Protein backbone atom coordinates (compact mmCIF):
# COMPACT_ATOMS: atom_id res chain seq x y z
CA UNK A 1 51.18 -119.92 -44.92
CA UNK A 2 47.53 -120.74 -43.96
CA UNK A 3 46.69 -123.45 -41.42
CA UNK A 4 43.11 -125.17 -42.79
CA UNK A 5 41.40 -127.95 -40.97
CA UNK A 6 40.86 -130.98 -44.19
CA UNK A 7 37.56 -131.46 -44.95
CA UNK A 8 36.54 -134.61 -42.88
CA UNK A 9 33.82 -137.39 -43.50
CA UNK A 10 31.68 -140.01 -41.64
CA UNK A 11 32.72 -143.51 -42.38
CA UNK A 12 30.05 -145.61 -43.70
CA UNK A 13 31.09 -149.21 -44.36
CA UNK A 14 28.19 -149.21 -46.95
CA UNK A 15 30.04 -146.71 -49.71
CA UNK A 16 32.56 -148.94 -52.02
CA UNK A 17 34.75 -145.89 -51.84
CA UNK A 18 35.03 -145.73 -47.68
CA UNK A 19 35.96 -148.96 -48.48
CA UNK A 20 38.46 -149.17 -50.76
CA UNK A 21 40.04 -145.86 -48.86
CA UNK A 22 40.48 -148.38 -45.93
CA UNK A 23 41.28 -151.23 -48.13
CA UNK A 24 44.84 -148.82 -49.13
CA UNK A 25 45.38 -148.41 -45.67
CA UNK A 26 45.51 -151.53 -44.62
CA UNK A 27 48.19 -152.46 -47.46
CA UNK A 28 49.77 -148.96 -47.03
CA UNK A 29 49.70 -148.64 -43.05
CA UNK A 30 48.87 -145.11 -43.59
CA UNK A 31 46.28 -142.51 -44.49
CA UNK A 32 49.06 -140.26 -46.16
CA UNK A 33 47.89 -140.79 -49.44
CA UNK A 34 43.84 -141.51 -49.01
CA UNK A 35 41.73 -139.01 -50.80
CA UNK A 36 39.51 -139.18 -47.98
CA UNK A 37 39.56 -138.51 -44.53
CA UNK A 38 37.58 -139.76 -41.72
CA UNK A 39 36.15 -138.34 -39.04
CA UNK A 40 36.87 -139.40 -35.52
CA UNK A 41 35.08 -141.16 -33.44
CA UNK A 42 35.80 -140.64 -29.68
CA UNK A 43 34.07 -143.87 -28.99
CA UNK A 44 36.80 -145.23 -30.56
CA UNK A 45 40.30 -145.64 -29.76
CA UNK A 46 41.54 -144.16 -33.31
CA UNK A 47 40.45 -143.53 -36.81
CA UNK A 48 41.44 -147.06 -37.87
CA UNK A 49 39.75 -148.83 -34.72
CA UNK A 50 36.42 -146.81 -35.71
CA UNK A 51 36.65 -147.97 -39.30
CA UNK A 52 37.50 -151.79 -38.68
CA UNK A 53 35.23 -152.10 -36.05
CA UNK A 54 32.05 -150.81 -38.57
CA UNK A 55 33.16 -152.22 -40.96
CA UNK A 56 33.30 -155.21 -39.30
CA UNK A 57 29.60 -154.73 -37.34
CA UNK A 58 28.36 -154.22 -41.02
CA UNK A 59 29.51 -156.92 -42.89
CA UNK A 60 28.04 -159.95 -40.49
CA UNK A 61 24.98 -157.79 -40.29
CA UNK A 62 25.41 -158.04 -44.13
CA UNK A 63 25.60 -162.07 -43.17
CA UNK A 64 23.69 -162.44 -41.29
CA UNK A 65 20.78 -160.97 -43.16
CA UNK A 66 21.75 -162.86 -46.16
CA UNK A 67 21.42 -166.58 -43.82
CA UNK A 68 18.28 -168.65 -43.84
CA UNK A 69 16.06 -167.96 -40.92
CA UNK A 70 15.20 -171.18 -39.59
CA UNK A 71 12.13 -172.91 -40.13
CA UNK A 72 9.29 -173.08 -37.30
CA UNK A 73 7.37 -176.54 -36.40
CA UNK A 74 4.23 -177.19 -35.72
CA UNK A 75 3.86 -180.08 -33.03
CA UNK A 76 0.23 -181.52 -33.09
CA UNK A 77 -2.35 -184.19 -31.19
CA UNK A 78 -0.98 -186.21 -28.28
CA UNK A 79 2.87 -184.32 -28.11
CA UNK A 80 0.88 -180.25 -28.60
CA UNK A 81 -0.30 -180.73 -24.84
CA UNK A 82 2.83 -182.50 -23.58
CA UNK A 83 5.03 -179.79 -24.75
CA UNK A 84 2.07 -177.14 -22.58
CA UNK A 85 2.98 -179.44 -19.68
CA UNK A 86 5.76 -179.14 -19.62
CA UNK A 87 6.52 -175.31 -20.63
CA UNK A 88 4.10 -174.92 -16.79
CA UNK A 89 6.10 -176.97 -15.18
CA UNK A 90 8.28 -175.08 -12.41
CA UNK A 91 12.33 -175.27 -12.69
CA UNK A 92 13.81 -177.37 -10.49
CA UNK A 93 16.53 -174.73 -9.63
CA UNK A 94 15.97 -170.45 -9.61
CA UNK A 95 18.11 -169.28 -12.60
CA UNK A 96 19.43 -165.29 -11.94
């Protein structure tokens, strides 16, 4: 019997099949029956840590991109000069 290195693929959270494989792992806590083998990234402690961190990052970025941008209010008249004056004042203490 000749042992071969299993074919691995880098984890991509945008790939639906990869997310389903991770969901199955989280349910059973085992990769044994997963059709996909993910490659190990040494920046993480384990493949499970790697996919969890990458999925969390992907979902957070997806959520943040969906949020509306805050509206910018323009200051006019006398208030505008007061804002400019306040911006030019020296702070009372030094921030380090």
